[in-house]
N, C-alpha and C. Protein backbone atom coordinates (compact mmCIF):
# COMPACT_ATOMS: atom_id res chain seq x y z
N MET A 1 -4.21 -11.06 -6.64
CA MET A 1 -4.48 -10.59 -5.15
C MET A 1 -4.20 -9.34 -4.93
N VAL A 2 -5.09 -8.64 -4.07
CA VAL A 2 -4.89 -7.18 -3.70
C VAL A 2 -4.53 -7.31 -2.31
N PHE A 3 -3.49 -6.54 -1.78
CA PHE A 3 -3.13 -6.42 -0.48
C PHE A 3 -3.22 -4.89 -0.02
N VAL A 4 -3.90 -4.79 1.12
CA VAL A 4 -4.14 -3.44 1.56
C VAL A 4 -3.41 -3.30 3.03
N THR A 5 -2.88 -2.20 3.19
CA THR A 5 -2.26 -1.84 4.45
C THR A 5 -2.55 -0.44 4.90
N VAL A 6 -3.08 -0.29 6.20
CA VAL A 6 -3.32 0.94 6.73
C VAL A 6 -2.31 1.43 7.62
N GLY A 7 -1.25 0.57 7.95
CA GLY A 7 -0.20 1.07 8.56
C GLY A 7 -0.43 0.84 10.27
N THR A 8 0.48 1.46 10.83
CA THR A 8 0.15 1.44 12.53
C THR A 8 -0.15 2.54 13.13
N HIS A 9 -0.48 3.58 12.37
CA HIS A 9 -1.02 4.96 13.13
C HIS A 9 -2.17 4.55 14.11
N GLU A 10 -2.21 5.06 15.26
CA GLU A 10 -3.29 4.74 16.15
C GLU A 10 -4.66 5.16 15.91
N GLN A 11 -4.85 5.98 14.80
CA GLN A 11 -6.31 6.47 14.58
C GLN A 11 -6.79 5.52 13.26
N PRO A 12 -8.17 5.13 13.58
CA PRO A 12 -8.66 4.26 12.51
C PRO A 12 -8.71 4.91 11.12
N PHE A 13 -8.54 4.02 10.10
CA PHE A 13 -8.73 4.33 8.65
C PHE A 13 -9.86 3.60 8.11
N ASP A 14 -11.10 3.64 8.70
CA ASP A 14 -12.32 2.98 8.22
C ASP A 14 -12.58 3.28 7.05
N ARG A 15 -12.50 4.57 6.53
CA ARG A 15 -12.83 4.98 5.17
C ARG A 15 -12.30 4.06 4.15
N LEU A 16 -10.99 3.82 4.29
CA LEU A 16 -10.28 2.99 3.25
C LEU A 16 -10.73 1.61 3.36
N VAL A 17 -10.90 1.03 4.42
CA VAL A 17 -11.14 -0.41 4.71
C VAL A 17 -12.60 -0.55 4.18
N LYS A 18 -13.51 0.14 4.59
CA LYS A 18 -14.92 0.10 4.19
C LYS A 18 -14.95 0.14 2.62
N ALA A 19 -14.19 0.94 1.94
CA ALA A 19 -14.31 1.11 0.41
C ALA A 19 -13.78 -0.13 -0.19
N ILE A 20 -12.73 -0.74 0.26
CA ILE A 20 -12.37 -2.06 -0.16
C ILE A 20 -13.27 -3.16 0.00
N ASP A 21 -13.70 -3.15 1.14
CA ASP A 21 -14.78 -4.17 1.47
C ASP A 21 -15.94 -4.07 0.69
N GLY A 22 -16.40 -2.88 0.32
CA GLY A 22 -17.62 -2.66 -0.45
C GLY A 22 -17.21 -3.15 -1.94
N LEU A 23 -16.07 -3.01 -2.49
CA LEU A 23 -15.66 -3.47 -3.79
C LEU A 23 -15.67 -4.92 -3.96
N VAL A 24 -15.39 -5.54 -2.70
CA VAL A 24 -15.29 -7.03 -2.81
C VAL A 24 -16.96 -7.46 -2.78
N ALA A 25 -17.61 -6.80 -1.82
CA ALA A 25 -19.05 -7.13 -1.72
C ALA A 25 -19.94 -7.03 -3.06
N ASP A 26 -19.59 -5.91 -3.63
CA ASP A 26 -20.39 -5.84 -5.09
C ASP A 26 -19.89 -6.35 -6.16
N GLY A 27 -18.69 -7.09 -5.93
CA GLY A 27 -18.12 -7.97 -7.16
C GLY A 27 -17.11 -7.23 -8.03
N THR A 28 -17.00 -5.90 -7.72
CA THR A 28 -16.03 -5.01 -8.50
C THR A 28 -14.54 -5.72 -8.31
N LEU A 29 -14.17 -6.11 -7.29
CA LEU A 29 -12.98 -6.92 -7.02
C LEU A 29 -13.41 -8.25 -6.72
N ASP A 30 -13.07 -9.09 -7.89
CA ASP A 30 -13.45 -10.52 -7.88
C ASP A 30 -12.09 -11.30 -7.76
N GLU A 31 -11.35 -11.20 -6.61
CA GLU A 31 -10.10 -11.81 -6.53
C GLU A 31 -9.83 -11.94 -5.00
N GLU A 32 -8.73 -12.56 -4.70
CA GLU A 32 -8.47 -12.49 -3.05
C GLU A 32 -8.04 -11.08 -2.74
N VAL A 33 -8.49 -10.70 -1.57
CA VAL A 33 -8.07 -9.38 -1.07
C VAL A 33 -7.78 -9.72 0.44
N PHE A 34 -6.63 -9.10 0.72
CA PHE A 34 -6.29 -9.23 2.29
C PHE A 34 -5.98 -7.82 2.72
N VAL A 35 -6.52 -7.47 4.03
CA VAL A 35 -6.54 -6.16 4.50
C VAL A 35 -5.69 -6.15 5.90
N GLN A 36 -4.70 -5.36 5.98
CA GLN A 36 -4.09 -5.16 7.42
C GLN A 36 -4.86 -3.95 8.03
N THR A 37 -5.58 -4.11 8.93
CA THR A 37 -6.58 -3.01 9.45
C THR A 37 -6.12 -2.19 10.56
N GLY A 38 -5.05 -2.54 11.17
CA GLY A 38 -4.39 -1.71 12.29
C GLY A 38 -5.45 -1.43 13.38
N TYR A 39 -5.59 -0.09 13.59
CA TYR A 39 -6.54 0.34 14.49
C TYR A 39 -7.97 0.59 14.15
N CYS A 40 -8.29 0.23 12.96
CA CYS A 40 -9.70 0.36 12.48
C CYS A 40 -10.65 -0.26 13.48
N THR A 41 -11.85 0.44 13.50
CA THR A 41 -13.01 -0.15 14.25
C THR A 41 -13.82 -0.89 13.28
N TYR A 42 -13.84 -0.77 11.95
CA TYR A 42 -14.64 -1.53 11.09
C TYR A 42 -13.80 -2.87 10.80
N GLU A 43 -14.48 -4.09 10.76
CA GLU A 43 -13.88 -5.22 10.49
C GLU A 43 -14.43 -5.71 9.29
N PRO A 44 -13.60 -5.95 8.20
CA PRO A 44 -14.15 -6.44 6.86
C PRO A 44 -15.00 -7.63 6.99
N GLU A 45 -15.99 -7.61 6.20
CA GLU A 45 -16.84 -8.93 6.03
C GLU A 45 -16.65 -9.64 4.82
N HIS A 46 -15.95 -9.06 3.76
CA HIS A 46 -15.95 -9.84 2.57
C HIS A 46 -14.49 -9.99 1.97
N CYS A 47 -13.49 -9.93 2.99
CA CYS A 47 -12.05 -10.12 2.49
C CYS A 47 -11.27 -10.60 3.86
N GLY A 48 -10.21 -11.29 3.60
CA GLY A 48 -9.31 -11.70 4.69
C GLY A 48 -8.86 -10.34 5.33
N TRP A 49 -8.51 -10.55 6.66
CA TRP A 49 -7.89 -9.31 7.32
C TRP A 49 -7.23 -9.87 8.63
N ALA A 50 -6.35 -8.88 9.08
CA ALA A 50 -5.65 -8.99 10.26
C ALA A 50 -5.40 -7.70 10.70
N ARG A 51 -5.27 -7.39 12.15
CA ARG A 51 -4.97 -6.13 12.56
C ARG A 51 -3.70 -5.71 12.18
N PHE A 52 -2.67 -6.60 12.55
CA PHE A 52 -1.19 -6.26 12.23
C PHE A 52 -0.60 -7.58 11.77
N VAL A 53 0.37 -7.50 10.78
CA VAL A 53 1.17 -8.59 10.25
C VAL A 53 2.51 -8.28 10.52
N PRO A 54 3.44 -9.25 10.91
CA PRO A 54 4.77 -9.13 11.08
C PRO A 54 5.60 -8.53 9.65
N ALA A 55 6.47 -7.93 9.76
CA ALA A 55 7.25 -7.26 8.71
C ALA A 55 7.57 -8.40 7.56
N PRO A 56 8.14 -9.59 7.88
CA PRO A 56 8.42 -10.39 6.84
C PRO A 56 7.25 -10.81 5.99
N GLU A 57 6.05 -10.97 6.72
CA GLU A 57 4.80 -11.27 6.00
C GLU A 57 4.26 -10.21 5.26
N MET A 58 4.44 -8.95 5.74
CA MET A 58 4.03 -7.74 4.93
C MET A 58 4.81 -7.59 3.64
N ARG A 59 6.09 -7.81 3.68
CA ARG A 59 7.04 -7.84 2.41
C ARG A 59 6.46 -8.99 1.47
N SER A 60 6.38 -10.13 2.10
CA SER A 60 5.88 -11.27 1.34
C SER A 60 4.59 -10.95 0.58
N ARG A 61 3.56 -10.50 1.26
CA ARG A 61 2.43 -10.21 0.69
C ARG A 61 2.44 -9.11 -0.39
N MET A 62 3.30 -8.10 -0.19
CA MET A 62 3.51 -7.02 -1.22
C MET A 62 4.14 -7.71 -2.45
N GLU A 63 5.12 -8.59 -2.24
CA GLU A 63 5.63 -9.38 -3.39
C GLU A 63 4.68 -10.26 -4.22
N GLU A 64 3.83 -10.92 -3.47
CA GLU A 64 2.81 -11.69 -4.22
C GLU A 64 1.67 -10.90 -4.82
N ALA A 65 1.32 -9.70 -4.22
CA ALA A 65 0.17 -9.03 -4.78
C ALA A 65 0.18 -8.48 -6.08
N ASP A 66 -0.90 -8.57 -6.72
CA ASP A 66 -0.90 -7.93 -8.16
C ASP A 66 -1.07 -6.37 -7.88
N VAL A 67 -1.75 -5.98 -6.96
CA VAL A 67 -1.90 -4.57 -6.49
C VAL A 67 -1.79 -4.36 -5.08
N VAL A 68 -1.20 -3.23 -4.63
CA VAL A 68 -0.85 -2.99 -3.28
C VAL A 68 -1.67 -1.60 -3.00
N VAL A 69 -2.47 -1.58 -1.94
CA VAL A 69 -3.12 -0.28 -1.62
C VAL A 69 -2.51 0.02 -0.23
N THR A 70 -2.06 1.35 -0.02
CA THR A 70 -1.50 1.80 1.16
C THR A 70 -2.05 3.04 1.64
N HIS A 71 -1.87 3.38 2.78
CA HIS A 71 -2.12 4.62 3.43
C HIS A 71 -1.06 5.60 2.79
N GLY A 72 -0.86 6.99 3.20
CA GLY A 72 -0.16 7.91 2.63
C GLY A 72 1.28 8.03 3.43
N GLY A 73 1.67 7.13 4.32
CA GLY A 73 2.91 7.25 4.97
C GLY A 73 4.00 6.63 4.06
N PRO A 74 5.19 7.26 3.95
CA PRO A 74 6.02 6.94 2.88
C PRO A 74 6.65 5.47 3.11
N SER A 75 6.80 4.98 4.42
CA SER A 75 7.46 3.77 4.43
C SER A 75 6.67 2.48 3.78
N SER A 76 5.31 2.57 3.84
CA SER A 76 4.52 1.54 3.23
C SER A 76 4.59 1.64 1.70
N PHE A 77 4.39 2.88 1.19
CA PHE A 77 4.43 2.83 -0.29
C PHE A 77 5.86 2.75 -0.94
N ILE A 78 6.69 3.10 -0.24
CA ILE A 78 8.15 2.87 -0.68
C ILE A 78 8.41 1.47 -0.66
N GLU A 79 8.01 0.75 0.35
CA GLU A 79 8.11 -0.73 0.27
C GLU A 79 7.53 -1.34 -0.95
N ALA A 80 6.09 -0.93 -1.12
CA ALA A 80 5.59 -1.40 -2.39
C ALA A 80 6.25 -1.15 -3.50
N LEU A 81 6.77 0.03 -3.71
CA LEU A 81 7.56 0.40 -4.90
C LEU A 81 8.79 -0.48 -5.06
N ALA A 82 9.48 -0.79 -3.93
CA ALA A 82 10.54 -1.74 -3.87
C ALA A 82 10.30 -3.08 -4.27
N ALA A 83 8.98 -3.53 -4.04
CA ALA A 83 8.50 -4.80 -4.49
C ALA A 83 8.00 -4.78 -5.86
N GLY A 84 8.33 -3.63 -6.60
CA GLY A 84 8.03 -3.69 -8.02
C GLY A 84 6.53 -3.29 -8.37
N LYS A 85 5.82 -2.79 -7.35
CA LYS A 85 4.47 -2.51 -7.63
C LYS A 85 4.17 -0.87 -7.71
N ALA A 86 3.37 -0.48 -8.53
CA ALA A 86 2.83 0.85 -8.48
C ALA A 86 1.64 0.97 -7.51
N PRO A 87 1.94 1.46 -6.24
CA PRO A 87 0.74 1.35 -5.20
C PRO A 87 -0.21 2.30 -5.40
N VAL A 88 -1.52 2.01 -5.00
CA VAL A 88 -2.55 2.90 -5.00
C VAL A 88 -2.31 3.53 -3.51
N VAL A 89 -2.16 4.92 -3.40
CA VAL A 89 -1.76 5.56 -2.04
C VAL A 89 -2.92 6.41 -1.79
N VAL A 90 -3.48 6.17 -0.66
CA VAL A 90 -4.66 6.73 -0.10
C VAL A 90 -4.26 7.48 1.17
N PRO A 91 -4.22 8.89 0.98
CA PRO A 91 -3.63 9.53 2.26
C PRO A 91 -4.75 9.69 3.43
N ARG A 92 -4.38 9.68 4.64
CA ARG A 92 -5.20 9.89 5.78
C ARG A 92 -5.66 11.49 5.87
N TYR A 93 -6.82 11.60 6.10
CA TYR A 93 -7.29 13.02 6.31
C TYR A 93 -7.75 13.41 7.72
N GLU A 94 -7.39 14.59 8.17
CA GLU A 94 -7.64 15.11 9.54
C GLU A 94 -9.19 15.08 9.74
N ARG A 95 -9.77 15.75 8.55
CA ARG A 95 -11.37 16.00 8.82
C ARG A 95 -12.13 14.68 9.03
N PHE A 96 -11.55 13.57 8.59
CA PHE A 96 -12.27 12.24 8.94
C PHE A 96 -11.78 11.61 10.23
N GLY A 97 -10.84 12.31 10.98
CA GLY A 97 -10.31 11.67 12.26
C GLY A 97 -9.29 10.68 11.97
N GLU A 98 -8.57 10.61 10.79
CA GLU A 98 -7.71 9.51 10.54
C GLU A 98 -6.17 9.81 10.79
N HIS A 99 -6.11 11.20 10.86
CA HIS A 99 -4.58 11.81 11.42
C HIS A 99 -4.82 13.04 12.21
N VAL A 100 -3.68 13.56 12.57
CA VAL A 100 -3.76 14.75 13.32
C VAL A 100 -3.63 16.04 12.47
N ASN A 101 -3.18 15.94 11.23
CA ASN A 101 -3.24 16.98 10.29
C ASN A 101 -3.32 16.28 8.84
N ASP A 102 -3.17 17.17 7.88
CA ASP A 102 -3.17 16.53 6.47
C ASP A 102 -1.79 16.46 5.85
N HIS A 103 -0.86 16.33 6.66
CA HIS A 103 0.51 15.95 6.02
C HIS A 103 0.65 14.93 4.98
N GLN A 104 -0.10 13.94 5.17
CA GLN A 104 -0.04 12.92 4.21
C GLN A 104 -0.67 13.17 2.97
N VAL A 105 -1.80 14.00 2.86
CA VAL A 105 -2.31 14.52 1.60
C VAL A 105 -1.21 15.41 0.85
N ALA A 106 -0.59 16.25 1.65
CA ALA A 106 0.44 17.21 0.88
C ALA A 106 1.57 16.30 0.33
N PHE A 107 2.04 15.50 1.14
CA PHE A 107 3.12 14.39 0.80
C PHE A 107 2.80 13.75 -0.47
N VAL A 108 1.71 13.18 -0.35
CA VAL A 108 1.31 12.18 -1.48
C VAL A 108 1.09 12.98 -2.76
N ARG A 109 0.52 14.26 -2.67
CA ARG A 109 0.50 15.12 -3.97
C ARG A 109 1.95 15.47 -4.42
N LEU A 110 2.87 15.80 -3.47
CA LEU A 110 4.14 16.09 -3.86
C LEU A 110 4.97 14.91 -4.60
N VAL A 111 4.70 13.82 -4.14
CA VAL A 111 5.40 12.57 -4.63
C VAL A 111 4.75 12.24 -6.19
N ALA A 112 3.52 12.33 -6.11
CA ALA A 112 2.65 12.26 -7.39
C ALA A 112 3.20 13.01 -8.53
N GLU A 113 3.42 14.29 -8.07
CA GLU A 113 3.70 15.32 -9.04
C GLU A 113 5.18 15.30 -9.50
N ARG A 114 6.06 15.10 -8.57
CA ARG A 114 7.42 15.13 -8.59
C ARG A 114 8.16 13.92 -9.13
N LYS A 115 7.56 12.84 -8.60
CA LYS A 115 8.16 11.48 -8.96
C LYS A 115 7.49 10.47 -9.69
N GLY A 116 6.17 10.56 -9.53
CA GLY A 116 5.22 9.68 -10.08
C GLY A 116 5.43 8.22 -9.61
N GLY A 117 4.94 7.14 -10.35
CA GLY A 117 5.07 5.83 -9.80
C GLY A 117 3.99 5.40 -8.96
N ILE A 118 3.25 6.26 -8.37
CA ILE A 118 2.20 5.88 -7.44
C ILE A 118 0.90 6.33 -8.06
N VAL A 119 -0.24 5.72 -7.56
CA VAL A 119 -1.49 6.03 -8.05
C VAL A 119 -2.30 6.74 -6.83
N PRO A 120 -2.35 8.01 -6.78
CA PRO A 120 -2.92 8.71 -5.51
C PRO A 120 -4.46 8.52 -5.60
N VAL A 121 -5.02 8.32 -4.52
CA VAL A 121 -6.53 8.38 -4.41
C VAL A 121 -7.00 9.35 -3.21
N TYR A 122 -7.60 10.44 -3.60
CA TYR A 122 -8.06 11.41 -2.56
C TYR A 122 -9.51 11.27 -2.28
N ASP A 123 -10.25 10.57 -3.02
CA ASP A 123 -11.64 10.25 -2.71
C ASP A 123 -11.94 8.67 -3.00
N VAL A 124 -12.21 7.98 -2.08
CA VAL A 124 -12.37 6.57 -2.08
C VAL A 124 -13.38 6.10 -3.15
N ALA A 125 -14.20 6.95 -3.71
CA ALA A 125 -15.25 6.63 -4.81
C ALA A 125 -14.31 6.45 -6.01
N ASP A 126 -13.13 6.70 -6.13
CA ASP A 126 -12.25 6.59 -7.20
C ASP A 126 -11.37 5.25 -6.99
N MET A 127 -11.70 4.46 -6.05
CA MET A 127 -10.85 3.29 -5.81
C MET A 127 -10.82 2.30 -6.89
N ALA A 128 -11.84 1.92 -7.36
CA ALA A 128 -11.96 0.91 -8.53
C ALA A 128 -11.12 1.29 -9.72
N ALA A 129 -11.14 2.47 -10.18
CA ALA A 129 -10.39 2.86 -11.29
C ALA A 129 -9.04 2.90 -10.93
N ALA A 130 -8.67 3.44 -9.72
CA ALA A 130 -7.23 3.55 -9.23
C ALA A 130 -6.55 2.02 -9.20
N ILE A 131 -7.28 1.12 -8.91
CA ILE A 131 -6.77 -0.16 -8.60
C ILE A 131 -6.32 -0.87 -9.90
N GLU A 132 -7.32 -0.41 -10.94
CA GLU A 132 -7.01 -1.04 -12.28
C GLU A 132 -5.71 -0.21 -12.89
N GLY A 133 -5.68 1.02 -12.72
CA GLY A 133 -4.67 1.85 -13.10
C GLY A 133 -3.27 1.29 -12.51
N ALA A 134 -3.31 1.14 -11.15
CA ALA A 134 -2.09 0.44 -10.61
C ALA A 134 -1.74 -0.94 -11.22
N ARG A 135 -2.58 -1.72 -11.45
CA ARG A 135 -2.49 -2.93 -12.07
C ARG A 135 -1.70 -2.84 -13.33
N ARG A 136 -2.14 -1.87 -14.20
CA ARG A 136 -1.46 -1.64 -15.53
C ARG A 136 -0.19 -1.14 -15.33
N LEU A 137 0.01 -0.14 -14.36
CA LEU A 137 1.34 0.40 -14.28
C LEU A 137 2.34 -0.69 -13.61
N SER A 138 1.85 -1.50 -12.81
CA SER A 138 2.84 -2.51 -12.25
C SER A 138 3.15 -3.56 -13.37
N ARG A 139 2.23 -3.93 -14.13
CA ARG A 139 2.58 -4.93 -15.16
C ARG A 139 3.59 -4.11 -16.35
N SER A 140 3.56 -2.80 -16.38
CA SER A 140 4.52 -2.20 -17.33
C SER A 140 5.93 -1.95 -16.80
N GLY A 141 6.12 -2.39 -15.61
CA GLY A 141 7.36 -2.28 -15.04
C GLY A 141 7.54 -1.07 -14.02
N ALA A 142 6.47 -0.47 -13.60
CA ALA A 142 6.72 0.71 -12.47
C ALA A 142 7.29 0.13 -11.37
N GLY A 143 7.64 0.99 -10.43
CA GLY A 143 8.35 0.66 -9.07
C GLY A 143 9.80 0.37 -9.39
N PHE A 144 10.40 -0.06 -8.39
CA PHE A 144 11.86 -0.38 -8.60
C PHE A 144 12.18 -1.43 -7.63
N ARG A 145 13.17 -2.23 -7.97
CA ARG A 145 13.68 -3.30 -7.31
C ARG A 145 14.90 -2.78 -6.39
N SER A 146 14.77 -3.32 -5.13
CA SER A 146 15.93 -3.01 -4.13
C SER A 146 17.03 -4.02 -4.41
N HIS A 147 18.20 -3.50 -4.30
CA HIS A 147 19.32 -4.24 -4.52
C HIS A 147 20.15 -4.40 -3.22
N ASN A 148 19.45 -4.12 -2.11
CA ASN A 148 20.21 -3.97 -0.73
C ASN A 148 20.76 -5.46 -0.41
N ALA A 149 20.01 -6.43 -0.59
CA ALA A 149 20.51 -7.76 -0.22
C ALA A 149 21.78 -8.10 -0.97
N GLU A 150 21.59 -7.83 -2.23
CA GLU A 150 22.73 -8.15 -3.23
C GLU A 150 24.02 -7.34 -2.81
N PHE A 151 23.79 -6.10 -2.67
CA PHE A 151 24.82 -5.11 -2.19
C PHE A 151 25.55 -5.66 -0.86
N CYS A 152 24.88 -6.09 0.13
CA CYS A 152 25.40 -6.54 1.39
C CYS A 152 26.14 -7.96 1.15
N ARG A 153 25.63 -8.61 0.42
CA ARG A 153 26.29 -10.02 -0.02
C ARG A 153 27.46 -9.69 -0.68
N GLU A 154 27.63 -8.83 -1.66
CA GLU A 154 28.90 -8.65 -2.41
C GLU A 154 29.84 -7.80 -1.32
N LEU A 155 29.38 -6.97 -0.65
CA LEU A 155 30.23 -6.14 0.45
C LEU A 155 30.87 -7.22 1.25
N ARG A 156 29.98 -8.17 1.83
CA ARG A 156 30.61 -9.17 2.92
C ARG A 156 31.70 -10.02 2.17
N GLU A 157 31.47 -10.34 0.92
CA GLU A 157 32.49 -11.23 0.18
C GLU A 157 33.79 -10.57 0.06
N ARG A 158 33.67 -9.25 -0.33
CA ARG A 158 34.86 -8.38 -0.50
C ARG A 158 35.64 -8.28 0.81
N ILE A 159 34.84 -8.15 1.84
CA ILE A 159 35.50 -7.89 3.25
C ILE A 159 36.21 -9.09 3.66
N GLU A 160 35.52 -10.31 3.44
CA GLU A 160 35.95 -11.49 3.83
C GLU A 160 37.24 -11.92 2.97
N GLY A 161 37.33 -11.36 1.67
CA GLY A 161 38.38 -11.64 0.83
C GLY A 161 39.63 -10.82 1.13
N LEU A 162 39.58 -9.73 1.99
CA LEU A 162 40.64 -8.77 2.30
C LEU A 162 41.88 -9.68 3.12
């Protein structure tokens, strides 16, 4: 399953959603695909979608997905990494009316160069190859598992034991 999120920024990210829908339409993606479309004006015709999904459902979909595709905002791709996925990260561009400036482009480049673990896509024509690359990276153990819940449980037990 491929899960796509464009986040909650109020400008549409139709370029990403159209690219994903096109890959499903032409058979390149031959699996379940679900897209959180946010404020997009384009509505996918070939995959499941919802404008917004609650945070627990978002986490669940990321956990279940083989591949997660996100916008370039850090919250979404860090959550994908925490779910053990190497996300495909597509920054929003100002020139396409997707954001107020190109800070996502700069940030994604910086993370990709310094930290790795993500598959950046600067041109949606590269999406199919990026999805397969992310699938391989995720299978090889990319990403990281958050231990916040375990830490909180152990801390609570220690405090209660005082």
